[in-house]
All heavy atoms as atom14 arrays in JSON, in Angstrom:
{
  "sequence": "GCGTWGGSATSDNVTPEHLINIKRVAYGIKEIETNSPLNIPDKSL",
  "atom14_mask": [
    [1, 1, 1, 1, 0, 0, 0, 0, 0, 0, 0, 0, 0, 0],
    [1, 1, 1, 1, 1, 1, 0, 0, 0, 0, 0, 0, 0, 0],
    [1, 1, 1, 1, 0, 0, 0, 0, 0, 0, 0, 0, 0, 0],
    [1, 1, 1, 1, 1, 1, 1, 0, 0, 0, 0, 0, 0, 0],
    [1, 1, 1, 1, 1, 1, 1, 1, 1, 1, 1, 1, 1, 1],
    [1, 1, 1, 1, 0, 0, 0, 0, 0, 0, 0, 0, 0, 0],
    [1, 1, 1, 1, 0, 0, 0, 0, 0, 0, 0, 0, 0, 0],
    [1, 1, 1, 1, 1, 1, 0, 0, 0, 0, 0, 0, 0, 0],
    [1, 1, 1, 1, 1, 0, 0, 0, 0, 0, 0, 0, 0, 0],
    [1, 1, 1, 1, 1, 1, 1, 0, 0, 0, 0, 0, 0, 0],
    [1, 1, 1, 1, 1, 1, 0, 0, 0, 0, 0, 0, 0, 0],
    [1, 1, 1, 1, 1, 1, 1, 1, 0, 0, 0, 0, 0, 0],
    [1, 1, 1, 1, 1, 1, 1, 1, 0, 0, 0, 0, 0, 0],
    [1, 1, 1, 1, 1, 1, 1, 0, 0, 0, 0, 0, 0, 0],
    [1, 1, 1, 1, 1, 1, 1, 0, 0, 0, 0, 0, 0, 0],
    [1, 1, 1, 1, 1, 1, 1, 0, 0, 0, 0, 0, 0, 0],
    [1, 1, 1, 1, 1, 1, 1, 1, 1, 0, 0, 0, 0, 0],
    [1, 1, 1, 1, 1, 1, 1, 1, 1, 1, 0, 0, 0, 0],
    [1, 1, 1, 1, 1, 1, 1, 1, 0, 0, 0, 0, 0, 0],
    [1, 1, 1, 1, 1, 1, 1, 1, 0, 0, 0, 0, 0, 0],
    [1, 1, 1, 1, 1, 1, 1, 1, 0, 0, 0, 0, 0, 0],
    [1, 1, 1, 1, 1, 1, 1, 1, 0, 0, 0, 0, 0, 0],
    [1, 1, 1, 1, 1, 1, 1, 1, 1, 0, 0, 0, 0, 0],
    [1, 1, 1, 1, 1, 1, 1, 1, 1, 1, 1, 0, 0, 0],
    [1, 1, 1, 1, 1, 1, 1, 0, 0, 0, 0, 0, 0, 0],
    [1, 1, 1, 1, 1, 0, 0, 0, 0, 0, 0, 0, 0, 0],
    [1, 1, 1, 1, 1, 1, 1, 1, 1, 1, 1, 1, 0, 0],
    [1, 1, 1, 1, 0, 0, 0, 0, 0, 0, 0, 0, 0, 0],
    [1, 1, 1, 1, 1, 1, 1, 1, 0, 0, 0, 0, 0, 0],
    [1, 1, 1, 1, 1, 1, 1, 1, 1, 0, 0, 0, 0, 0],
    [1, 1, 1, 1, 1, 1, 1, 1, 1, 0, 0, 0, 0, 0],
    [1, 1, 1, 1, 1, 1, 1, 1, 0, 0, 0, 0, 0, 0],
    [1, 1, 1, 1, 1, 1, 1, 1, 1, 0, 0, 0, 0, 0],
    [1, 1, 1, 1, 1, 1, 1, 0, 0, 0, 0, 0, 0, 0],
    [1, 1, 1, 1, 1, 1, 1, 1, 0, 0, 0, 0, 0, 0],
    [1, 1, 1, 1, 1, 1, 0, 0, 0, 0, 0, 0, 0, 0],
    [1, 1, 1, 1, 1, 1, 1, 0, 0, 0, 0, 0, 0, 0],
    [1, 1, 1, 1, 1, 1, 1, 1, 0, 0, 0, 0, 0, 0],
    [1, 1, 1, 1, 1, 1, 1, 1, 0, 0, 0, 0, 0, 0],
    [1, 1, 1, 1, 1, 1, 1, 1, 0, 0, 0, 0, 0, 0],
    [1, 1, 1, 1, 1, 1, 1, 0, 0, 0, 0, 0, 0, 0],
    [1, 1, 1, 1, 1, 1, 1, 1, 0, 0, 0, 0, 0, 0],
    [1, 1, 1, 1, 1, 1, 1, 1, 1, 0, 0, 0, 0, 0],
    [1, 1, 1, 1, 1, 1, 0, 0, 0, 0, 0, 0, 0, 0],
    [1, 1, 1, 1, 1, 1, 1, 1, 0, 0, 0, 0, 0, 0]
  ],
  "atom14_positions": [
    [[108.87, 142.4, 95.44], [107.76, 141.74, 94.8], [106.42, 142.09, 95.41], [106.34, 142.39, 96.61], [0.0, 0.0, 0.0], [0.0, 0.0, 0.0], [0.0, 0.0, 0.0], [0.0, 0.0, 0.0], [0.0, 0.0, 0.0], [0.0, 0.0, 0.0], [0.0, 0.0, 0.0], [0.0, 0.0, 0.0], [0.0, 0.0, 0.0], [0.0, 0.0, 0.0]],
    [[105.37, 142.11, 94.58], [104.02, 142.45, 95.05], [103.08, 141.25, 95.01], [101.87, 141.43, 95.12], [103.48, 143.6, 94.22], [104.44, 145.09, 94.33], [0.0, 0.0, 0.0], [0.0, 0.0, 0.0], [0.0, 0.0, 0.0], [0.0, 0.0, 0.0], [0.0, 0.0, 0.0], [0.0, 0.0, 0.0], [0.0, 0.0, 0.0], [0.0, 0.0, 0.0]],
    [[103.63, 140.05, 94.79], [102.76, 138.89, 94.76], [101.79, 138.91, 93.58], [101.76, 139.83, 92.78], [0.0, 0.0, 0.0], [0.0, 0.0, 0.0], [0.0, 0.0, 0.0], [0.0, 0.0, 0.0], [0.0, 0.0, 0.0], [0.0, 0.0, 0.0], [0.0, 0.0, 0.0], [0.0, 0.0, 0.0], [0.0, 0.0, 0.0], [0.0, 0.0, 0.0]],
    [[100.95, 137.88, 93.53], [99.99, 137.82, 92.43], [98.98, 138.95, 92.47], [98.45, 139.37, 91.44], [99.24, 136.47, 92.48], [98.64, 136.31, 93.79], [100.18, 135.33, 92.21], [0.0, 0.0, 0.0], [0.0, 0.0, 0.0], [0.0, 0.0, 0.0], [0.0, 0.0, 0.0], [0.0, 0.0, 0.0], [0.0, 0.0, 0.0], [0.0, 0.0, 0.0]],
    [[98.74, 139.51, 93.68], [97.81, 140.64, 93.78], [98.31, 141.82, 92.97], [97.54, 142.58, 92.39], [97.61, 141.06, 95.25], [97.07, 139.99, 96.12], [96.37, 138.9, 95.72], [97.18, 139.9, 97.53], [96.04, 138.11, 96.82], [96.51, 138.71, 97.95], [97.8, 140.67, 98.5], [96.43, 138.33, 99.26], [97.72, 140.28, 99.84], [97.05, 139.12, 100.21]],
    [[99.63, 142.03, 92.97], [100.21, 143.14, 92.23], [100.82, 142.73, 90.91], [101.57, 143.5, 90.3], [0.0, 0.0, 0.0], [0.0, 0.0, 0.0], [0.0, 0.0, 0.0], [0.0, 0.0, 0.0], [0.0, 0.0, 0.0], [0.0, 0.0, 0.0], [0.0, 0.0, 0.0], [0.0, 0.0, 0.0], [0.0, 0.0, 0.0], [0.0, 0.0, 0.0]],
    [[100.53, 141.52, 90.46], [101.06, 141.06, 89.16], [102.48, 140.58, 89.19], [103.15, 140.56, 88.15], [0.0, 0.0, 0.0], [0.0, 0.0, 0.0], [0.0, 0.0, 0.0], [0.0, 0.0, 0.0], [0.0, 0.0, 0.0], [0.0, 0.0, 0.0], [0.0, 0.0, 0.0], [0.0, 0.0, 0.0], [0.0, 0.0, 0.0], [0.0, 0.0, 0.0]],
    [[102.98, 140.21, 90.36], [104.37, 139.74, 90.49], [104.39, 138.23, 90.73], [103.46, 137.66, 91.29], [105.05, 140.43, 91.66], [105.12, 141.84, 91.47], [0.0, 0.0, 0.0], [0.0, 0.0, 0.0], [0.0, 0.0, 0.0], [0.0, 0.0, 0.0], [0.0, 0.0, 0.0], [0.0, 0.0, 0.0], [0.0, 0.0, 0.0], [0.0, 0.0, 0.0]],
    [[105.53, 137.62, 90.37], [105.68, 136.2, 90.59], [106.1, 135.87, 92.0], [106.09, 134.7, 92.42], [106.74, 135.64, 89.62], [0.0, 0.0, 0.0], [0.0, 0.0, 0.0], [0.0, 0.0, 0.0], [0.0, 0.0, 0.0], [0.0, 0.0, 0.0], [0.0, 0.0, 0.0], [0.0, 0.0, 0.0], [0.0, 0.0, 0.0], [0.0, 0.0, 0.0]],
    [[106.48, 136.91, 92.77], [106.86, 136.69, 94.17], [106.35, 137.85, 95.02], [106.16, 138.97, 94.51], [108.4, 136.58, 94.33], [108.71, 136.37, 95.71], [109.09, 137.86, 93.86], [0.0, 0.0, 0.0], [0.0, 0.0, 0.0], [0.0, 0.0, 0.0], [0.0, 0.0, 0.0], [0.0, 0.0, 0.0], [0.0, 0.0, 0.0], [0.0, 0.0, 0.0]],
    [[106.13, 137.57, 96.3], [105.72, 138.61, 97.23], [106.92, 139.03, 98.09], [106.78, 139.86, 98.99], [104.6, 138.12, 98.13], [104.98, 136.97, 98.84], [0.0, 0.0, 0.0], [0.0, 0.0, 0.0], [0.0, 0.0, 0.0], [0.0, 0.0, 0.0], [0.0, 0.0, 0.0], [0.0, 0.0, 0.0], [0.0, 0.0, 0.0], [0.0, 0.0, 0.0]],
    [[108.08, 138.47, 97.82], [109.27, 138.7, 98.64], [110.11, 139.88, 98.13], [109.99, 140.32, 96.98], [110.18, 137.47, 98.63], [109.53, 136.24, 99.23], [108.63, 136.42, 100.07], [109.92, 135.13, 98.86], [0.0, 0.0, 0.0], [0.0, 0.0, 0.0], [0.0, 0.0, 0.0], [0.0, 0.0, 0.0], [0.0, 0.0, 0.0], [0.0, 0.0, 0.0]],
    [[111.0, 140.36, 98.99], [112.16, 141.12, 98.53], [113.09, 140.11, 97.86], [113.42, 139.1, 98.46], [112.87, 141.79, 99.7], [112.1, 143.02, 100.21], [110.92, 143.19, 99.91], [112.79, 143.84, 100.97], [0.0, 0.0, 0.0], [0.0, 0.0, 0.0], [0.0, 0.0, 0.0], [0.0, 0.0, 0.0], [0.0, 0.0, 0.0], [0.0, 0.0, 0.0]],
    [[113.49, 140.37, 96.63], [114.21, 139.38, 95.86], [115.67, 139.22, 96.35], [116.37, 140.21, 96.54], [114.19, 139.74, 94.36], [115.05, 138.78, 93.55], [112.75, 139.71, 93.84], [0.0, 0.0, 0.0], [0.0, 0.0, 0.0], [0.0, 0.0, 0.0], [0.0, 0.0, 0.0], [0.0, 0.0, 0.0], [0.0, 0.0, 0.0], [0.0, 0.0, 0.0]],
    [[116.07, 137.98, 96.6], [117.4, 137.64, 97.08], [118.01, 136.57, 96.17], [117.33, 136.08, 95.24], [117.31, 137.08, 98.5], [116.79, 135.73, 98.44], [116.46, 137.93, 99.42], [0.0, 0.0, 0.0], [0.0, 0.0, 0.0], [0.0, 0.0, 0.0], [0.0, 0.0, 0.0], [0.0, 0.0, 0.0], [0.0, 0.0, 0.0], [0.0, 0.0, 0.0]],
    [[119.26, 136.2, 96.41], [119.86, 135.12, 95.59], [119.06, 133.82, 95.61], [119.13, 133.05, 94.65], [121.26, 134.94, 96.21], [121.57, 136.28, 96.77], [120.28, 136.81, 97.28], [0.0, 0.0, 0.0], [0.0, 0.0, 0.0], [0.0, 0.0, 0.0], [0.0, 0.0, 0.0], [0.0, 0.0, 0.0], [0.0, 0.0, 0.0], [0.0, 0.0, 0.0]],
    [[118.36, 133.57, 96.69], [117.57, 132.34, 96.77], [116.45, 132.3, 95.73], [115.98, 131.21, 95.4], [116.97, 132.19, 98.17], [118.0, 131.89, 99.25], [117.42, 131.71, 100.62], [116.46, 132.44, 100.96], [117.92, 130.85, 101.36], [0.0, 0.0, 0.0], [0.0, 0.0, 0.0], [0.0, 0.0, 0.0], [0.0, 0.0, 0.0], [0.0, 0.0, 0.0]],
    [[116.03, 133.47, 95.23], [115.03, 133.48, 94.18], [115.64, 133.21, 92.81], [114.91, 133.09, 91.8], [114.31, 134.85, 94.15], [113.52, 135.12, 95.38], [114.05, 135.72, 96.5], [112.21, 134.87, 95.68], [113.12, 135.83, 97.44], [111.99, 135.33, 96.96], [0.0, 0.0, 0.0], [0.0, 0.0, 0.0], [0.0, 0.0, 0.0], [0.0, 0.0, 0.0]],
    [[116.96, 133.16, 92.74], [117.66, 133.02, 91.47], [118.36, 131.67, 91.28], [119.27, 131.52, 90.47], [118.68, 134.17, 91.32], [118.13, 135.58, 91.5], [119.22, 136.62, 91.32], [116.99, 135.86, 90.52], [0.0, 0.0, 0.0], [0.0, 0.0, 0.0], [0.0, 0.0, 0.0], [0.0, 0.0, 0.0], [0.0, 0.0, 0.0], [0.0, 0.0, 0.0]],
    [[117.92, 130.69, 92.06], [118.46, 129.35, 91.89], [117.33, 128.36, 91.62], [116.19, 128.54, 92.06], [119.25, 128.87, 93.16], [118.36, 128.91, 94.4], [120.5, 129.69, 93.34], [119.0, 128.3, 95.64], [0.0, 0.0, 0.0], [0.0, 0.0, 0.0], [0.0, 0.0, 0.0], [0.0, 0.0, 0.0], [0.0, 0.0, 0.0], [0.0, 0.0, 0.0]],
    [[117.67, 127.33, 90.85], [116.81, 126.15, 90.73], [117.24, 125.14, 91.78], [118.44, 125.03, 92.07], [116.96, 125.52, 89.33], [116.41, 126.43, 88.24], [115.27, 126.9, 88.31], [117.2, 126.66, 87.21], [0.0, 0.0, 0.0], [0.0, 0.0, 0.0], [0.0, 0.0, 0.0], [0.0, 0.0, 0.0], [0.0, 0.0, 0.0], [0.0, 0.0, 0.0]],
    [[116.31, 124.41, 92.33], [116.64, 123.44, 93.35], [116.37, 122.02, 92.84], [115.24, 121.68, 92.48], [115.87, 123.67, 94.66], [116.22, 125.05, 95.22], [116.18, 122.57, 95.68], [115.45, 125.42, 96.47], [0.0, 0.0, 0.0], [0.0, 0.0, 0.0], [0.0, 0.0, 0.0], [0.0, 0.0, 0.0], [0.0, 0.0, 0.0], [0.0, 0.0, 0.0]],
    [[117.45, 121.25, 92.74], [117.37, 119.85, 92.29], [117.25, 118.97, 93.52], [117.93, 119.22, 94.55], [118.65, 119.5, 91.54], [118.73, 118.07, 91.05], [120.13, 117.79, 90.52], [120.44, 118.65, 89.31], [121.82, 118.38, 88.79], [0.0, 0.0, 0.0], [0.0, 0.0, 0.0], [0.0, 0.0, 0.0], [0.0, 0.0, 0.0], [0.0, 0.0, 0.0]],
    [[116.4, 117.97, 93.48], [116.2, 117.09, 94.65], [116.55, 115.64, 94.31], [116.07, 115.11, 93.32], [114.73, 117.18, 95.13], [114.43, 118.56, 95.78], [112.98, 118.77, 96.12], [112.8, 120.06, 96.8], [112.66, 121.2, 96.17], [112.67, 121.26, 94.85], [112.53, 122.33, 96.88], [0.0, 0.0, 0.0], [0.0, 0.0, 0.0], [0.0, 0.0, 0.0]],
    [[117.36, 115.08, 95.15], [117.7, 113.67, 95.07], [116.96, 112.98, 96.21], [117.19, 113.27, 97.39], [119.21, 113.44, 95.24], [119.53, 111.94, 95.21], [119.97, 114.18, 94.16], [0.0, 0.0, 0.0], [0.0, 0.0, 0.0], [0.0, 0.0, 0.0], [0.0, 0.0, 0.0], [0.0, 0.0, 0.0], [0.0, 0.0, 0.0], [0.0, 0.0, 0.0]],
    [[116.0, 112.12, 95.87], [115.13, 111.55, 96.87], [115.13, 110.02, 96.8], [114.89, 109.44, 95.75], [113.68, 112.06, 96.68], [0.0, 0.0, 0.0], [0.0, 0.0, 0.0], [0.0, 0.0, 0.0], [0.0, 0.0, 0.0], [0.0, 0.0, 0.0], [0.0, 0.0, 0.0], [0.0, 0.0, 0.0], [0.0, 0.0, 0.0], [0.0, 0.0, 0.0]],
    [[115.45, 109.37, 97.93], [115.42, 107.93, 98.05], [114.0, 107.45, 98.41], [113.26, 108.14, 99.12], [116.37, 107.45, 99.14], [117.81, 107.49, 98.78], [118.5, 108.71, 98.79], [118.51, 106.32, 98.44], [119.85, 108.76, 98.45], [119.86, 106.37, 98.11], [120.52, 107.58, 98.11], [121.84, 107.63, 97.8], [0.0, 0.0, 0.0], [0.0, 0.0, 0.0]],
    [[113.64, 106.28, 97.9], [112.36, 105.7, 98.31], [112.34, 105.33, 99.76], [113.25, 104.6, 100.22], [0.0, 0.0, 0.0], [0.0, 0.0, 0.0], [0.0, 0.0, 0.0], [0.0, 0.0, 0.0], [0.0, 0.0, 0.0], [0.0, 0.0, 0.0], [0.0, 0.0, 0.0], [0.0, 0.0, 0.0], [0.0, 0.0, 0.0], [0.0, 0.0, 0.0]],
    [[111.34, 105.8, 100.48], [111.27, 105.49, 101.93], [109.91, 104.84, 102.27], [109.66, 104.53, 103.44], [111.47, 106.75, 102.77], [110.44, 107.82, 102.45], [112.89, 107.27, 102.61], [110.47, 109.03, 103.37], [0.0, 0.0, 0.0], [0.0, 0.0, 0.0], [0.0, 0.0, 0.0], [0.0, 0.0, 0.0], [0.0, 0.0, 0.0], [0.0, 0.0, 0.0]],
    [[109.04, 104.66, 101.27], [107.72, 104.06, 101.51], [107.51, 102.93, 100.52], [107.71, 103.12, 99.32], [106.62, 105.08, 101.36], [106.77, 106.32, 102.27], [105.76, 107.38, 101.89], [105.99, 108.68, 102.68], [105.08, 109.77, 102.23], [0.0, 0.0, 0.0], [0.0, 0.0, 0.0], [0.0, 0.0, 0.0], [0.0, 0.0, 0.0], [0.0, 0.0, 0.0]],
    [[107.14, 101.76, 101.02], [106.85, 100.63, 100.16], [105.46, 100.74, 99.6], [104.51, 101.03, 100.36], [107.03, 99.31, 100.91], [108.48, 99.0, 101.26], [109.33, 98.84, 100.03], [108.82, 98.34, 98.98], [110.53, 99.23, 100.09], [0.0, 0.0, 0.0], [0.0, 0.0, 0.0], [0.0, 0.0, 0.0], [0.0, 0.0, 0.0], [0.0, 0.0, 0.0]],
    [[105.3, 100.53, 98.33], [103.98, 100.55, 97.68], [103.43, 99.13, 97.71], [104.01, 98.2, 97.13], [104.08, 101.05, 96.24], [104.76, 102.4, 96.19], [102.69, 101.11, 95.59], [104.08, 103.47, 97.02], [0.0, 0.0, 0.0], [0.0, 0.0, 0.0], [0.0, 0.0, 0.0], [0.0, 0.0, 0.0], [0.0, 0.0, 0.0], [0.0, 0.0, 0.0]],
    [[102.3, 98.93, 98.38], [101.79, 97.58, 98.58], [100.92, 97.08, 97.44], [100.88, 95.89, 97.19], [100.97, 97.55, 99.89], [101.81, 97.85, 101.13], [101.0, 97.83, 102.4], [99.77, 97.56, 102.29], [101.55, 98.03, 103.47], [0.0, 0.0, 0.0], [0.0, 0.0, 0.0], [0.0, 0.0, 0.0], [0.0, 0.0, 0.0], [0.0, 0.0, 0.0]],
    [[100.22, 97.96, 96.76], [99.34, 97.5, 95.7], [100.12, 97.3, 94.4], [101.1, 97.99, 94.14], [98.22, 98.53, 95.45], [97.41, 98.07, 94.37], [98.77, 99.9, 95.08], [0.0, 0.0, 0.0], [0.0, 0.0, 0.0], [0.0, 0.0, 0.0], [0.0, 0.0, 0.0], [0.0, 0.0, 0.0], [0.0, 0.0, 0.0], [0.0, 0.0, 0.0]],
    [[99.71, 96.31, 93.62], [100.3, 96.08, 92.3], [99.56, 96.81, 91.2], [99.97, 96.81, 90.06], [100.34, 94.58, 92.0], [101.29, 93.85, 92.9], [102.35, 94.38, 93.2], [100.89, 92.67, 93.34], [0.0, 0.0, 0.0], [0.0, 0.0, 0.0], [0.0, 0.0, 0.0], [0.0, 0.0, 0.0], [0.0, 0.0, 0.0], [0.0, 0.0, 0.0]],
    [[98.4, 97.37, 91.53], [97.56, 98.01, 90.53], [97.6, 99.52, 90.68], [97.12, 100.05, 91.67], [96.11, 97.52, 90.66], [95.29, 98.28, 89.8], [0.0, 0.0, 0.0], [0.0, 0.0, 0.0], [0.0, 0.0, 0.0], [0.0, 0.0, 0.0], [0.0, 0.0, 0.0], [0.0, 0.0, 0.0], [0.0, 0.0, 0.0], [0.0, 0.0, 0.0]],
    [[98.15, 100.24, 89.72], [98.18, 101.7, 89.78], [96.78, 102.31, 89.68], [96.57, 103.45, 90.03], [99.04, 102.12, 88.58], [98.9, 100.99, 87.61], [98.79, 99.74, 88.46], [0.0, 0.0, 0.0], [0.0, 0.0, 0.0], [0.0, 0.0, 0.0], [0.0, 0.0, 0.0], [0.0, 0.0, 0.0], [0.0, 0.0, 0.0], [0.0, 0.0, 0.0]],
    [[95.83, 101.48, 89.21], [94.45, 101.98, 89.04], [93.63, 101.75, 90.3], [92.51, 102.22, 90.39], [93.78, 101.3, 87.86], [94.54, 101.44, 86.52], [93.76, 100.74, 85.43], [94.7, 102.9, 86.17], [0.0, 0.0, 0.0], [0.0, 0.0, 0.0], [0.0, 0.0, 0.0], [0.0, 0.0, 0.0], [0.0, 0.0, 0.0], [0.0, 0.0, 0.0]],
    [[94.19, 100.99, 91.26], [93.5, 100.75, 92.53], [92.14, 100.1, 92.31], [91.15, 100.5, 92.93], [93.32, 102.05, 93.32], [94.15, 102.03, 94.62], [94.7, 100.99, 94.96], [94.19, 103.14, 95.29], [0.0, 0.0, 0.0], [0.0, 0.0, 0.0], [0.0, 0.0, 0.0], [0.0, 0.0, 0.0], [0.0, 0.0, 0.0], [0.0, 0.0, 0.0]],
    [[92.05, 99.13, 91.42], [90.76, 98.48, 91.13], [90.62, 97.26, 92.02], [91.5, 96.39, 92.02], [90.7, 98.04, 89.63], [90.86, 99.26, 88.74], [89.39, 97.32, 89.36], [90.99, 98.9, 87.27], [0.0, 0.0, 0.0], [0.0, 0.0, 0.0], [0.0, 0.0, 0.0], [0.0, 0.0, 0.0], [0.0, 0.0, 0.0], [0.0, 0.0, 0.0]],
    [[89.58, 97.17, 92.84], [89.39, 96.03, 93.74], [89.28, 94.73, 92.95], [88.75, 94.72, 91.81], [88.08, 96.33, 94.46], [87.9, 97.84, 94.3], [88.51, 98.19, 92.99], [0.0, 0.0, 0.0], [0.0, 0.0, 0.0], [0.0, 0.0, 0.0], [0.0, 0.0, 0.0], [0.0, 0.0, 0.0], [0.0, 0.0, 0.0], [0.0, 0.0, 0.0]],
    [[89.79, 93.62, 93.56], [89.77, 92.32, 92.86], [88.37, 91.92, 92.46], [88.14, 91.31, 91.4], [90.36, 91.25, 93.75], [91.88, 91.44, 93.94], [92.45, 92.17, 93.09], [92.44, 90.9, 94.89], [0.0, 0.0, 0.0], [0.0, 0.0, 0.0], [0.0, 0.0, 0.0], [0.0, 0.0, 0.0], [0.0, 0.0, 0.0], [0.0, 0.0, 0.0]],
    [[87.37, 92.21, 93.29], [86.01, 91.76, 93.03], [85.43, 92.41, 91.78], [84.43, 91.95, 91.22], [85.1, 91.99, 94.21], [84.9, 93.48, 94.55], [83.97, 93.62, 95.74], [83.71, 95.1, 96.06], [82.8, 95.25, 97.21], [0.0, 0.0, 0.0], [0.0, 0.0, 0.0], [0.0, 0.0, 0.0], [0.0, 0.0, 0.0], [0.0, 0.0, 0.0]],
    [[86.07, 93.49, 91.33], [85.55, 94.17, 90.14], [85.87, 93.4, 88.91], [85.38, 93.69, 87.83], [86.14, 95.6, 90.03], [87.54, 95.52, 89.81], [0.0, 0.0, 0.0], [0.0, 0.0, 0.0], [0.0, 0.0, 0.0], [0.0, 0.0, 0.0], [0.0, 0.0, 0.0], [0.0, 0.0, 0.0], [0.0, 0.0, 0.0], [0.0, 0.0, 0.0]],
    [[86.77, 92.37, 89.01], [87.15, 91.6, 87.84], [86.46, 90.24, 87.84], [87.07, 89.21, 87.51], [88.67, 91.41, 87.83], [89.49, 92.71, 87.79], [90.98, 92.39, 87.89], [89.19, 93.5, 86.52], [0.0, 0.0, 0.0], [0.0, 0.0, 0.0], [0.0, 0.0, 0.0], [0.0, 0.0, 0.0], [0.0, 0.0, 0.0], [0.0, 0.0, 0.0]]
  ]
}
């Protein structure tokens, strides 16, 4: 591969690792404290 400079999608020598999709199973490890996804301060209401 020649990377984006050479018009390639990769700059690597292509291996089997370039030919797999990686699925991720992720557990929640951080508690979200705010109830507002818009993060609007209470005083704004």
